Amino acid sequence: MSALFFKRFLQRPFQIASIIPSSKALVKQVARKMDFSEPRVIAEYGPGEGVHSREIARRMPPGSRLLLFELDSAFSRDLQRQFASDPRVHVINGDAARLPEELKRLGIPHCDYILSGIPFSILEIKKKRALLEKTHEALADGGRFIIYQVTNELRQHATHFDRADSEYFLQNIPPMFITVFHKTNRRNGHRRPLRQAAEFSTNHSA
């Protein structure tokens, strides 16, 4: 754990939510939920010091985009420093609700994956549901919203999504629910649907 993470937790415990970052095991398990066999557009809500962001950037092929939404200004500055030499990564010091506007600004139609570790359970109900709606709209057909949370209460609110798969992951302090919300591919376009995690986890488990 970095000194910055511990300092920010002491200053904003409800916003940071955990006293330590995600474990390496959790980071890899979350990354296995994504298909990196081709360029992807990925957004992350609340990356903190960037443990998941670094793993995603490491696995992303050329031509991918990673949008990091971080409210905390100190974390945001640190993320900008970490990814200064990677043009695929965009750090936004602002609310995750800005995702649709940022996609439009960058000329990107949709995200393939959206990852979140922000503590949804402490959000006011209207804000929670509004963010879920914007998240669903920002995903491409066949896209996925992936969360890791101490509780799994978000499932009862994420009614926009067609399916949700959860696992309880013990190799983290505290243990986390990893839930993948699926947006069904409703059109017969030429865009290849995202593959199921089981199809590629073996090839990207390093």
N, C-alpha and C. Protein backbone atom coordinates (compact mmCIF):
# COMPACT_ATOMS: atom_id res chain seq x y z
N MET A 1 0.84 -1.20 0.00
CA MET A 1 0.00 0.00 0.00
C MET A 1 0.88 1.25 0.00
N SER A 2 0.56 2.22 -0.84
CA SER A 2 1.34 3.44 -0.92
C SER A 2 0.97 4.39 0.22
N ALA A 3 1.89 5.31 0.53
CA ALA A 3 1.62 6.31 1.56
C ALA A 3 0.47 7.20 1.14
N LEU A 4 0.37 7.47 -0.18
CA LEU A 4 -0.71 8.31 -0.69
C LEU A 4 -2.07 7.67 -0.42
N PHE A 5 -2.19 6.37 -0.68
CA PHE A 5 -3.47 5.68 -0.48
C PHE A 5 -3.89 5.76 0.99
N PHE A 6 -2.95 5.47 1.90
CA PHE A 6 -3.27 5.49 3.33
C PHE A 6 -3.66 6.90 3.79
N LYS A 7 -2.95 7.89 3.30
CA LYS A 7 -3.24 9.28 3.67
C LYS A 7 -4.64 9.68 3.19
N ARG A 8 -4.98 9.33 1.94
CA ARG A 8 -6.29 9.71 1.42
C ARG A 8 -7.41 8.96 2.12
N PHE A 9 -7.15 7.72 2.52
CA PHE A 9 -8.17 6.97 3.27
C PHE A 9 -8.46 7.65 4.60
N LEU A 10 -7.42 8.09 5.30
CA LEU A 10 -7.61 8.76 6.58
C LEU A 10 -8.39 10.07 6.41
N GLN A 11 -8.15 10.76 5.29
CA GLN A 11 -8.81 12.04 5.06
C GLN A 11 -10.24 11.88 4.56
N ARG A 12 -10.48 10.82 3.73
CA ARG A 12 -11.81 10.61 3.13
C ARG A 12 -12.19 9.14 3.19
N PRO A 13 -12.44 8.60 4.37
CA PRO A 13 -12.68 7.16 4.50
C PRO A 13 -13.92 6.66 3.77
N PHE A 14 -14.98 7.47 3.68
CA PHE A 14 -16.20 7.01 3.01
C PHE A 14 -16.04 7.02 1.50
N GLN A 15 -15.24 7.94 0.99
CA GLN A 15 -15.01 7.99 -0.45
C GLN A 15 -14.05 6.90 -0.90
N ILE A 16 -13.00 6.64 -0.10
CA ILE A 16 -11.99 5.64 -0.47
C ILE A 16 -12.50 4.23 -0.19
N ALA A 17 -13.28 4.08 0.90
CA ALA A 17 -14.02 2.84 1.23
C ALA A 17 -13.18 1.72 1.83
N SER A 18 -11.93 1.55 1.42
CA SER A 18 -11.11 0.47 1.96
C SER A 18 -9.78 1.02 2.42
N ILE A 19 -9.26 0.45 3.50
CA ILE A 19 -8.00 0.95 4.04
C ILE A 19 -6.80 0.47 3.23
N ILE A 20 -6.97 -0.59 2.43
CA ILE A 20 -5.89 -1.08 1.57
C ILE A 20 -6.41 -1.28 0.15
N PRO A 21 -5.53 -1.16 -0.86
CA PRO A 21 -5.96 -1.38 -2.25
C PRO A 21 -6.31 -2.84 -2.50
N SER A 22 -6.88 -3.11 -3.66
CA SER A 22 -7.20 -4.49 -4.05
C SER A 22 -5.94 -5.35 -4.08
N SER A 23 -6.10 -6.62 -3.71
CA SER A 23 -4.99 -7.56 -3.75
C SER A 23 -4.62 -7.89 -5.20
N LYS A 24 -3.41 -8.41 -5.40
CA LYS A 24 -2.99 -8.82 -6.74
C LYS A 24 -3.92 -9.90 -7.29
N ALA A 25 -4.37 -10.78 -6.42
CA ALA A 25 -5.27 -11.85 -6.85
C ALA A 25 -6.60 -11.30 -7.34
N LEU A 26 -7.14 -10.31 -6.62
CA LEU A 26 -8.40 -9.70 -7.05
C LEU A 26 -8.23 -8.96 -8.37
N VAL A 27 -7.13 -8.23 -8.50
CA VAL A 27 -6.86 -7.49 -9.72
C VAL A 27 -6.84 -8.42 -10.93
N LYS A 28 -6.16 -9.56 -10.79
CA LYS A 28 -6.07 -10.50 -11.91
C LYS A 28 -7.42 -11.16 -12.18
N GLN A 29 -8.17 -11.46 -11.12
CA GLN A 29 -9.48 -12.09 -11.32
C GLN A 29 -10.44 -11.15 -12.04
N VAL A 30 -10.40 -9.88 -11.70
CA VAL A 30 -11.25 -8.90 -12.37
C VAL A 30 -10.83 -8.76 -13.83
N ALA A 31 -9.54 -8.70 -14.09
CA ALA A 31 -9.05 -8.56 -15.47
C ALA A 31 -9.44 -9.75 -16.33
N ARG A 32 -9.57 -10.91 -15.72
CA ARG A 32 -9.97 -12.11 -16.48
C ARG A 32 -11.40 -12.02 -17.00
N LYS A 33 -12.17 -11.08 -16.49
CA LYS A 33 -13.55 -10.91 -16.96
C LYS A 33 -13.60 -10.16 -18.29
N MET A 34 -12.46 -9.69 -18.78
CA MET A 34 -12.41 -8.90 -20.00
C MET A 34 -11.65 -9.66 -21.09
N ASP A 35 -12.06 -9.42 -22.32
CA ASP A 35 -11.42 -10.00 -23.49
C ASP A 35 -10.49 -8.96 -24.11
N PHE A 36 -9.20 -9.25 -24.09
CA PHE A 36 -8.21 -8.33 -24.62
C PHE A 36 -7.64 -8.80 -25.96
N SER A 37 -8.38 -9.63 -26.66
CA SER A 37 -7.88 -10.19 -27.92
C SER A 37 -7.92 -9.16 -29.06
N GLU A 38 -8.59 -8.04 -28.85
CA GLU A 38 -8.65 -6.97 -29.85
C GLU A 38 -8.79 -5.64 -29.12
N PRO A 39 -8.60 -4.51 -29.82
CA PRO A 39 -8.69 -3.21 -29.14
C PRO A 39 -10.05 -3.02 -28.47
N ARG A 40 -10.03 -2.48 -27.26
CA ARG A 40 -11.24 -2.25 -26.48
C ARG A 40 -11.29 -0.82 -25.97
N VAL A 41 -12.51 -0.37 -25.68
CA VAL A 41 -12.71 0.89 -24.97
C VAL A 41 -13.20 0.53 -23.58
N ILE A 42 -12.45 0.94 -22.57
CA ILE A 42 -12.74 0.57 -21.18
C ILE A 42 -12.77 1.84 -20.33
N ALA A 43 -13.76 1.94 -19.46
CA ALA A 43 -13.81 3.03 -18.49
C ALA A 43 -13.72 2.44 -17.09
N GLU A 44 -13.09 3.17 -16.19
CA GLU A 44 -12.99 2.73 -14.80
C GLU A 44 -13.45 3.85 -13.88
N TYR A 45 -14.38 3.53 -12.99
CA TYR A 45 -14.86 4.48 -11.99
C TYR A 45 -14.05 4.30 -10.70
N GLY A 46 -13.48 5.37 -10.20
CA GLY A 46 -12.79 5.33 -8.92
C GLY A 46 -11.56 4.45 -8.90
N PRO A 47 -10.59 4.69 -9.79
CA PRO A 47 -9.39 3.84 -9.84
C PRO A 47 -8.45 4.00 -8.66
N GLY A 48 -8.59 5.07 -7.88
CA GLY A 48 -7.71 5.25 -6.72
C GLY A 48 -6.27 5.39 -7.14
N GLU A 49 -5.40 4.55 -6.57
CA GLU A 49 -3.98 4.65 -6.93
C GLU A 49 -3.64 3.86 -8.19
N GLY A 50 -4.64 3.19 -8.79
CA GLY A 50 -4.43 2.61 -10.11
C GLY A 50 -4.03 1.15 -10.19
N VAL A 51 -4.31 0.35 -9.15
CA VAL A 51 -3.88 -1.05 -9.21
C VAL A 51 -4.59 -1.82 -10.33
N HIS A 52 -5.89 -1.60 -10.51
CA HIS A 52 -6.60 -2.23 -11.62
C HIS A 52 -6.24 -1.57 -12.95
N SER A 53 -6.08 -0.27 -12.94
CA SER A 53 -5.75 0.47 -14.16
C SER A 53 -4.45 -0.01 -14.78
N ARG A 54 -3.44 -0.23 -13.95
CA ARG A 54 -2.14 -0.68 -14.46
C ARG A 54 -2.25 -2.06 -15.10
N GLU A 55 -3.03 -2.95 -14.48
CA GLU A 55 -3.18 -4.29 -15.03
C GLU A 55 -3.94 -4.25 -16.35
N ILE A 56 -4.98 -3.43 -16.42
CA ILE A 56 -5.74 -3.30 -17.66
C ILE A 56 -4.85 -2.73 -18.76
N ALA A 57 -4.12 -1.66 -18.45
CA ALA A 57 -3.23 -1.04 -19.45
C ALA A 57 -2.17 -2.02 -19.92
N ARG A 58 -1.68 -2.85 -19.01
CA ARG A 58 -0.66 -3.84 -19.37
C ARG A 58 -1.22 -4.85 -20.37
N ARG A 59 -2.50 -5.21 -20.23
CA ARG A 59 -3.10 -6.23 -21.08
C ARG A 59 -3.71 -5.68 -22.37
N MET A 60 -4.03 -4.39 -22.40
CA MET A 60 -4.70 -3.81 -23.56
C MET A 60 -3.81 -3.82 -24.80
N PRO A 61 -4.34 -4.22 -25.94
CA PRO A 61 -3.57 -4.14 -27.18
C PRO A 61 -3.53 -2.71 -27.71
N PRO A 62 -2.65 -2.43 -28.66
CA PRO A 62 -2.63 -1.10 -29.29
C PRO A 62 -4.00 -0.76 -29.89
N GLY A 63 -4.34 0.52 -29.84
CA GLY A 63 -5.62 0.95 -30.38
C GLY A 63 -6.73 0.99 -29.35
N SER A 64 -6.45 0.51 -28.14
CA SER A 64 -7.45 0.53 -27.06
C SER A 64 -7.48 1.91 -26.42
N ARG A 65 -8.54 2.15 -25.64
CA ARG A 65 -8.66 3.38 -24.85
C ARG A 65 -9.06 3.01 -23.43
N LEU A 66 -8.50 3.69 -22.46
CA LEU A 66 -8.84 3.50 -21.05
C LEU A 66 -9.15 4.86 -20.45
N LEU A 67 -10.39 5.04 -19.99
CA LEU A 67 -10.83 6.30 -19.38
C LEU A 67 -10.95 6.11 -17.88
N LEU A 68 -10.18 6.89 -17.12
CA LEU A 68 -10.15 6.76 -15.66
C LEU A 68 -10.85 7.96 -15.03
N PHE A 69 -11.94 7.71 -14.30
CA PHE A 69 -12.70 8.76 -13.63
C PHE A 69 -12.39 8.74 -12.14
N GLU A 70 -11.68 9.76 -11.67
CA GLU A 70 -11.26 9.82 -10.28
C GLU A 70 -11.62 11.17 -9.67
N LEU A 71 -12.47 11.15 -8.62
CA LEU A 71 -12.89 12.38 -7.96
C LEU A 71 -11.78 13.01 -7.13
N ASP A 72 -10.97 12.19 -6.51
CA ASP A 72 -9.93 12.68 -5.60
C ASP A 72 -8.80 13.32 -6.40
N SER A 73 -8.53 14.59 -6.14
CA SER A 73 -7.53 15.32 -6.94
C SER A 73 -6.12 14.77 -6.77
N ALA A 74 -5.77 14.31 -5.56
CA ALA A 74 -4.43 13.76 -5.33
C ALA A 74 -4.24 12.46 -6.11
N PHE A 75 -5.23 11.58 -6.06
CA PHE A 75 -5.16 10.35 -6.85
C PHE A 75 -5.11 10.67 -8.34
N SER A 76 -5.92 11.64 -8.76
CA SER A 76 -5.96 12.00 -10.18
C SER A 76 -4.60 12.48 -10.67
N ARG A 77 -3.96 13.33 -9.90
CA ARG A 77 -2.61 13.80 -10.28
C ARG A 77 -1.63 12.64 -10.36
N ASP A 78 -1.73 11.71 -9.41
CA ASP A 78 -0.82 10.57 -9.41
C ASP A 78 -1.07 9.67 -10.62
N LEU A 79 -2.33 9.48 -10.99
CA LEU A 79 -2.66 8.68 -12.18
C LEU A 79 -2.13 9.35 -13.44
N GLN A 80 -2.26 10.66 -13.51
CA GLN A 80 -1.73 11.39 -14.68
C GLN A 80 -0.23 11.21 -14.78
N ARG A 81 0.45 11.19 -13.63
CA ARG A 81 1.90 10.97 -13.63
C ARG A 81 2.22 9.55 -14.10
N GLN A 82 1.48 8.56 -13.57
CA GLN A 82 1.74 7.16 -13.92
C GLN A 82 1.58 6.88 -15.41
N PHE A 83 0.56 7.49 -16.01
CA PHE A 83 0.22 7.16 -17.40
C PHE A 83 0.58 8.28 -18.38
N ALA A 84 1.47 9.16 -17.98
CA ALA A 84 1.85 10.31 -18.82
C ALA A 84 2.38 9.89 -20.18
N SER A 85 3.03 8.75 -20.25
CA SER A 85 3.63 8.31 -21.51
C SER A 85 2.74 7.33 -22.29
N ASP A 86 1.52 7.10 -21.83
CA ASP A 86 0.62 6.16 -22.50
C ASP A 86 -0.57 6.92 -23.08
N PRO A 87 -0.56 7.19 -24.39
CA PRO A 87 -1.65 7.98 -25.00
C PRO A 87 -2.99 7.27 -25.02
N ARG A 88 -3.02 5.97 -24.70
CA ARG A 88 -4.28 5.24 -24.67
C ARG A 88 -5.10 5.57 -23.43
N VAL A 89 -4.45 6.12 -22.41
CA VAL A 89 -5.09 6.33 -21.11
C VAL A 89 -5.46 7.80 -20.93
N HIS A 90 -6.71 8.05 -20.56
CA HIS A 90 -7.22 9.40 -20.31
C HIS A 90 -7.68 9.48 -18.85
N VAL A 91 -7.10 10.38 -18.09
CA VAL A 91 -7.45 10.57 -16.68
C VAL A 91 -8.38 11.77 -16.56
N ILE A 92 -9.55 11.54 -15.99
CA ILE A 92 -10.55 12.60 -15.81
C ILE A 92 -10.75 12.84 -14.31
N ASN A 93 -10.37 14.00 -13.84
CA ASN A 93 -10.57 14.34 -12.44
C ASN A 93 -12.00 14.86 -12.28
N GLY A 94 -12.94 13.92 -12.14
CA GLY A 94 -14.34 14.29 -12.06
C GLY A 94 -15.23 13.10 -11.80
N ASP A 95 -16.52 13.37 -11.73
CA ASP A 95 -17.53 12.37 -11.43
C ASP A 95 -17.69 11.37 -12.58
N ALA A 96 -17.93 10.10 -12.21
CA ALA A 96 -18.15 9.07 -13.22
C ALA A 96 -19.37 9.37 -14.09
N ALA A 97 -20.29 10.18 -13.59
CA ALA A 97 -21.48 10.54 -14.36
C ALA A 97 -21.13 11.34 -15.61
N ARG A 98 -19.88 11.80 -15.71
CA ARG A 98 -19.44 12.54 -16.89
C ARG A 98 -19.06 11.63 -18.05
N LEU A 99 -19.16 10.32 -17.86
CA LEU A 99 -18.73 9.38 -18.89
C LEU A 99 -19.34 9.67 -20.27
N PRO A 100 -20.66 9.83 -20.40
CA PRO A 100 -21.22 10.10 -21.74
C PRO A 100 -20.62 11.33 -22.40
N GLU A 101 -20.41 12.39 -21.63
CA GLU A 101 -19.83 13.62 -22.17
C GLU A 101 -18.39 13.41 -22.62
N GLU A 102 -17.62 12.65 -21.84
CA GLU A 102 -16.23 12.39 -22.20
C GLU A 102 -16.13 11.52 -23.44
N LEU A 103 -17.02 10.53 -23.55
CA LEU A 103 -17.03 9.70 -24.76
C LEU A 103 -17.30 10.56 -25.99
N LYS A 104 -18.27 11.45 -25.87
CA LYS A 104 -18.61 12.33 -26.99
C LYS A 104 -17.44 13.25 -27.33
N ARG A 105 -16.79 13.79 -26.30
CA ARG A 105 -15.66 14.69 -26.52
C ARG A 105 -14.52 13.99 -27.25
N LEU A 106 -14.31 12.72 -26.93
CA LEU A 106 -13.22 11.95 -27.54
C LEU A 106 -13.62 11.29 -28.85
N GLY A 107 -14.88 11.43 -29.23
CA GLY A 107 -15.35 10.83 -30.47
C GLY A 107 -15.47 9.32 -30.39
N ILE A 108 -15.80 8.81 -29.20
CA ILE A 108 -15.94 7.37 -28.99
C ILE A 108 -17.42 7.06 -28.81
N PRO A 109 -17.99 6.14 -29.59
CA PRO A 109 -19.43 5.88 -29.49
C PRO A 109 -19.86 5.17 -28.20
N HIS A 110 -19.11 4.15 -27.78
CA HIS A 110 -19.51 3.35 -26.63
C HIS A 110 -18.28 2.71 -25.97
N CYS A 111 -18.49 2.18 -24.78
CA CYS A 111 -17.48 1.38 -24.09
C CYS A 111 -17.78 -0.10 -24.27
N ASP A 112 -16.74 -0.91 -24.29
CA ASP A 112 -16.90 -2.36 -24.28
C ASP A 112 -17.05 -2.87 -22.85
N TYR A 113 -16.27 -2.26 -21.95
CA TYR A 113 -16.31 -2.63 -20.53
C TYR A 113 -16.29 -1.37 -19.68
N ILE A 114 -17.01 -1.42 -18.57
CA ILE A 114 -16.92 -0.37 -17.55
C ILE A 114 -16.67 -1.09 -16.23
N LEU A 115 -15.61 -0.68 -15.54
CA LEU A 115 -15.22 -1.30 -14.28
C LEU A 115 -15.43 -0.30 -13.15
N SER A 116 -15.92 -0.78 -12.01
CA SER A 116 -16.12 0.13 -10.88
C SER A 116 -15.81 -0.53 -9.54
N GLY A 117 -15.07 0.22 -8.74
CA GLY A 117 -14.83 -0.19 -7.36
C GLY A 117 -15.37 0.84 -6.38
N ILE A 118 -16.09 1.85 -6.89
CA ILE A 118 -16.63 2.86 -5.98
C ILE A 118 -17.70 2.23 -5.09
N PRO A 119 -17.82 2.66 -3.85
CA PRO A 119 -18.78 2.05 -2.91
C PRO A 119 -20.22 2.48 -3.21
N PHE A 120 -20.87 1.78 -4.11
CA PHE A 120 -22.24 2.12 -4.50
C PHE A 120 -23.19 2.11 -3.32
N SER A 121 -22.91 1.27 -2.32
CA SER A 121 -23.83 1.12 -1.19
C SER A 121 -24.01 2.41 -0.40
N ILE A 122 -23.04 3.34 -0.47
CA ILE A 122 -23.16 4.58 0.29
C ILE A 122 -23.73 5.73 -0.54
N LEU A 123 -23.96 5.48 -1.83
CA LEU A 123 -24.52 6.53 -2.68
C LEU A 123 -26.00 6.71 -2.41
N GLU A 124 -26.45 7.95 -2.48
CA GLU A 124 -27.88 8.24 -2.37
C GLU A 124 -28.61 7.54 -3.52
N ILE A 125 -29.80 7.03 -3.27
CA ILE A 125 -30.48 6.13 -4.19
C ILE A 125 -30.67 6.74 -5.57
N LYS A 126 -31.04 8.03 -5.64
CA LYS A 126 -31.26 8.66 -6.95
C LYS A 126 -29.96 8.75 -7.74
N LYS A 127 -28.87 9.11 -7.06
CA LYS A 127 -27.57 9.20 -7.72
C LYS A 127 -27.11 7.83 -8.19
N LYS A 128 -27.35 6.82 -7.35
CA LYS A 128 -26.97 5.45 -7.69
C LYS A 128 -27.68 5.00 -8.97
N ARG A 129 -28.98 5.20 -9.02
CA ARG A 129 -29.75 4.74 -10.18
C ARG A 129 -29.45 5.56 -11.43
N ALA A 130 -29.19 6.85 -11.24
CA ALA A 130 -28.83 7.70 -12.38
C ALA A 130 -27.50 7.25 -12.99
N LEU A 131 -26.53 6.91 -12.13
CA LEU A 131 -25.23 6.46 -12.63
C LEU A 131 -25.36 5.11 -13.33
N LEU A 132 -26.21 4.24 -12.80
CA LEU A 132 -26.44 2.94 -13.45
C LEU A 132 -27.06 3.13 -14.83
N GLU A 133 -27.98 4.08 -14.94
CA GLU A 133 -28.62 4.33 -16.23
C GLU A 133 -27.61 4.86 -17.25
N LYS A 134 -26.77 5.80 -16.81
CA LYS A 134 -25.75 6.34 -17.71
C LYS A 134 -24.73 5.27 -18.09
N THR A 135 -24.41 4.40 -17.15
CA THR A 135 -23.48 3.31 -17.42
C THR A 135 -24.04 2.38 -18.49
N HIS A 136 -25.30 2.00 -18.33
CA HIS A 136 -25.95 1.12 -19.30
C HIS A 136 -25.97 1.76 -20.69
N GLU A 137 -26.29 3.04 -20.75
CA GLU A 137 -26.36 3.74 -22.03
C GLU A 137 -24.98 3.86 -22.69
N ALA A 138 -23.93 3.97 -21.88
CA ALA A 138 -22.58 4.14 -22.42
C ALA A 138 -21.99 2.84 -22.94
N LEU A 139 -22.54 1.71 -22.55
CA LEU A 139 -22.02 0.42 -22.99
C LEU A 139 -22.51 0.08 -24.40
N ALA A 140 -21.64 -0.51 -25.18
CA ALA A 140 -22.04 -1.05 -26.47
C ALA A 140 -22.95 -2.26 -26.25
N ASP A 141 -23.76 -2.59 -27.24
CA ASP A 141 -24.52 -3.83 -27.17
C ASP A 141 -23.55 -4.98 -27.01
N GLY A 142 -23.82 -5.86 -26.07
CA GLY A 142 -22.91 -6.95 -25.75
C GLY A 142 -21.85 -6.57 -24.74
N GLY A 143 -21.85 -5.30 -24.29
CA GLY A 143 -20.85 -4.84 -23.32
C GLY A 143 -21.14 -5.31 -21.91
N ARG A 144 -20.19 -5.05 -21.00
CA ARG A 144 -20.32 -5.51 -19.63
C ARG A 144 -19.89 -4.46 -18.62
N PHE A 145 -20.64 -4.39 -17.54
CA PHE A 145 -20.33 -3.53 -16.40
C PHE A 145 -19.85 -4.45 -15.28
N ILE A 146 -18.62 -4.26 -14.83
CA ILE A 146 -17.98 -5.14 -13.85
C ILE A 146 -17.73 -4.36 -12.57
N ILE A 147 -18.19 -4.91 -11.46
CA ILE A 147 -17.98 -4.25 -10.17
C ILE A 147 -17.32 -5.21 -9.19
N TYR A 148 -16.57 -4.64 -8.26
CA TYR A 148 -16.09 -5.41 -7.11
C TYR A 148 -16.47 -4.62 -5.87
N GLN A 149 -17.26 -5.25 -4.99
CA GLN A 149 -17.86 -4.56 -3.86
C GLN A 149 -17.89 -5.46 -2.63
N VAL A 150 -17.91 -4.85 -1.46
CA VAL A 150 -18.01 -5.61 -0.21
C VAL A 150 -19.40 -6.25 -0.09
N THR A 151 -20.42 -5.55 -0.55
CA THR A 151 -21.78 -6.09 -0.55
C THR A 151 -22.23 -6.29 -2.00
N ASN A 152 -23.31 -7.04 -2.17
CA ASN A 152 -23.83 -7.28 -3.52
C ASN A 152 -25.20 -6.63 -3.70
N GLU A 153 -25.45 -5.56 -2.93
CA GLU A 153 -26.77 -4.92 -2.96
C GLU A 153 -27.07 -4.23 -4.28
N LEU A 154 -26.05 -3.95 -5.07
CA LEU A 154 -26.29 -3.23 -6.33
C LEU A 154 -27.12 -4.06 -7.30
N ARG A 155 -27.12 -5.36 -7.15
CA ARG A 155 -27.89 -6.20 -8.08
C ARG A 155 -29.37 -5.84 -8.09
N GLN A 156 -29.89 -5.44 -6.93
CA GLN A 156 -31.32 -5.13 -6.86
C GLN A 156 -31.67 -3.81 -7.56
N HIS A 157 -30.66 -2.98 -7.81
CA HIS A 157 -30.90 -1.69 -8.46
C HIS A 157 -30.56 -1.70 -9.95
N ALA A 158 -29.72 -2.63 -10.36
CA ALA A 158 -29.22 -2.65 -11.75
C ALA A 158 -30.22 -3.34 -12.68
N THR A 159 -31.43 -2.82 -12.72
CA THR A 159 -32.51 -3.46 -13.48
C THR A 159 -32.41 -3.21 -14.97
N HIS A 160 -31.54 -2.30 -15.41
CA HIS A 160 -31.39 -2.04 -16.83
C HIS A 160 -30.69 -3.20 -17.54
N PHE A 161 -29.91 -3.95 -16.79
CA PHE A 161 -29.10 -5.00 -17.40
C PHE A 161 -29.89 -6.31 -17.53
N ASP A 162 -29.50 -7.11 -18.52
CA ASP A 162 -30.26 -8.30 -18.85
C ASP A 162 -29.86 -9.52 -18.02
N ARG A 163 -28.63 -9.52 -17.51
CA ARG A 163 -28.17 -10.66 -16.73
C ARG A 163 -27.03 -10.21 -15.82
N ALA A 164 -26.87 -10.90 -14.70
CA ALA A 164 -25.77 -10.61 -13.78
C ALA A 164 -25.19 -11.92 -13.25
N ASP A 165 -23.87 -12.01 -13.26
CA ASP A 165 -23.17 -13.18 -12.73
C ASP A 165 -22.26 -12.72 -11.60
N SER A 166 -22.35 -13.37 -10.45
CA SER A 166 -21.56 -12.96 -9.28
C SER A 166 -20.71 -14.09 -8.75
N GLU A 167 -19.59 -13.71 -8.16
CA GLU A 167 -18.78 -14.65 -7.39
C GLU A 167 -18.27 -13.94 -6.14
N TYR A 168 -18.08 -14.71 -5.08
CA TYR A 168 -17.56 -14.15 -3.83
C TYR A 168 -16.09 -14.50 -3.76
N PHE A 169 -15.24 -13.49 -3.83
CA PHE A 169 -13.80 -13.70 -3.95
C PHE A 169 -13.13 -13.49 -2.60
N LEU A 170 -12.54 -14.55 -2.07
CA LEU A 170 -12.00 -14.53 -0.72
C LEU A 170 -10.55 -14.05 -0.64
N GLN A 171 -9.83 -14.02 -1.76
CA GLN A 171 -8.41 -13.68 -1.74
C GLN A 171 -8.20 -12.17 -1.79
N ASN A 172 -8.88 -11.50 -0.90
CA ASN A 172 -8.76 -10.05 -0.77
C ASN A 172 -9.17 -9.68 0.64
N ILE A 173 -8.64 -8.57 1.15
CA ILE A 173 -9.04 -8.06 2.46
C ILE A 173 -9.66 -6.68 2.26
N PRO A 174 -10.99 -6.60 2.49
CA PRO A 174 -11.93 -7.66 2.83
C PRO A 174 -12.32 -8.47 1.59
N PRO A 175 -12.96 -9.64 1.77
CA PRO A 175 -13.47 -10.39 0.60
C PRO A 175 -14.44 -9.53 -0.20
N MET A 176 -14.51 -9.79 -1.49
CA MET A 176 -15.31 -8.96 -2.38
C MET A 176 -16.25 -9.80 -3.25
N PHE A 177 -17.42 -9.22 -3.54
CA PHE A 177 -18.27 -9.76 -4.59
C PHE A 177 -17.78 -9.16 -5.92
N ILE A 178 -17.54 -10.02 -6.89
CA ILE A 178 -17.26 -9.56 -8.26
C ILE A 178 -18.50 -9.89 -9.07
N THR A 179 -19.14 -8.87 -9.61
CA THR A 179 -20.37 -9.07 -10.37
C THR A 179 -20.22 -8.49 -11.77
N VAL A 180 -20.63 -9.26 -12.74
CA VAL A 180 -20.60 -8.83 -14.13
C VAL A 180 -22.03 -8.67 -14.62
N PHE A 181 -22.39 -7.43 -14.97
CA PHE A 181 -23.70 -7.13 -15.53
C PHE A 181 -23.59 -7.12 -17.06
N HIS A 182 -24.48 -7.83 -17.72
CA HIS A 182 -24.42 -7.98 -19.17
C HIS A 182 -25.48 -7.12 -19.87
N LYS A 183 -25.06 -6.43 -20.92
CA LYS A 183 -25.99 -5.72 -21.79
C LYS A 183 -26.15 -6.55 -23.06
N THR A 184 -27.32 -7.05 -23.30
CA THR A 184 -27.56 -7.95 -24.42
C THR A 184 -27.32 -7.27 -25.75
N ASN A 185 -26.74 -8.03 -26.69
CA ASN A 185 -26.55 -7.53 -28.05
C ASN A 185 -27.88 -7.65 -28.78
N ARG A 186 -28.55 -6.52 -28.99
CA ARG A 186 -29.91 -6.54 -29.54
C ARG A 186 -29.98 -6.30 -31.04
N ARG A 187 -28.86 -6.09 -31.67
CA ARG A 187 -28.92 -5.77 -33.09
C ARG A 187 -28.04 -6.74 -33.88
N ASN A 188 -28.35 -6.90 -35.13
CA ASN A 188 -27.61 -7.82 -35.99
C ASN A 188 -26.60 -7.04 -36.84
N GLY A 189 -25.74 -6.33 -36.15
CA GLY A 189 -24.73 -5.55 -36.85
C GLY A 189 -23.49 -6.39 -37.13
N HIS A 190 -22.43 -5.72 -37.58
CA HIS A 190 -21.20 -6.44 -37.95
C HIS A 190 -20.22 -6.50 -36.79
N ARG A 191 -20.53 -5.83 -35.69
CA ARG A 191 -19.62 -5.83 -34.55
C ARG A 191 -19.64 -7.18 -33.85
N ARG A 192 -18.47 -7.79 -33.68
CA ARG A 192 -18.41 -9.09 -33.06
C ARG A 192 -18.75 -8.98 -31.58
N PRO A 193 -19.65 -9.81 -31.06
CA PRO A 193 -19.98 -9.74 -29.64
C PRO A 193 -18.79 -10.12 -28.78
N LEU A 194 -18.74 -9.58 -27.57
CA LEU A 194 -17.66 -9.90 -26.64
C LEU A 194 -17.75 -11.36 -26.24
N ARG A 195 -16.62 -12.02 -26.17
CA ARG A 195 -16.62 -13.43 -25.80
C ARG A 195 -16.82 -13.59 -24.29
N GLN A 196 -17.28 -14.76 -23.91
CA GLN A 196 -17.42 -15.08 -22.50
C GLN A 196 -16.05 -15.22 -21.86
N ALA A 197 -15.95 -14.88 -20.57
CA ALA A 197 -14.66 -14.92 -19.87
C ALA A 197 -14.02 -16.29 -19.94
N ALA A 198 -14.80 -17.35 -19.89
CA ALA A 198 -14.26 -18.71 -19.89
C ALA A 198 -13.48 -19.01 -21.17
N GLU A 199 -13.80 -18.28 -22.25
CA GLU A 199 -13.14 -18.53 -23.52
C GLU A 199 -11.72 -17.98 -23.57
N PHE A 200 -11.43 -16.96 -22.75
CA PHE A 200 -10.11 -16.34 -22.86
C PHE A 200 -9.34 -16.27 -21.57
N SER A 201 -9.90 -16.70 -20.44
CA SER A 201 -9.20 -16.56 -19.17
C SER A 201 -7.92 -17.37 -19.14
N THR A 202 -7.89 -18.52 -19.83
CA THR A 202 -6.72 -19.36 -19.84
C THR A 202 -5.56 -18.69 -20.55
N ASN A 203 -5.87 -17.93 -21.62
CA ASN A 203 -4.82 -17.31 -22.40
C ASN A 203 -4.32 -16.01 -21.79
N HIS A 204 -5.05 -15.45 -20.83
CA HIS A 204 -4.67 -14.14 -20.27
C HIS A 204 -4.61 -14.22 -18.74
N SER A 205 -4.11 -15.30 -18.22
CA SER A 205 -4.10 -15.48 -16.77
C SER A 205 -2.77 -15.10 -16.14
N ALA A 206 -1.85 -14.59 -16.94
CA ALA A 206 -0.53 -14.25 -16.39
C ALA A 206 -0.63 -13.09 -15.43
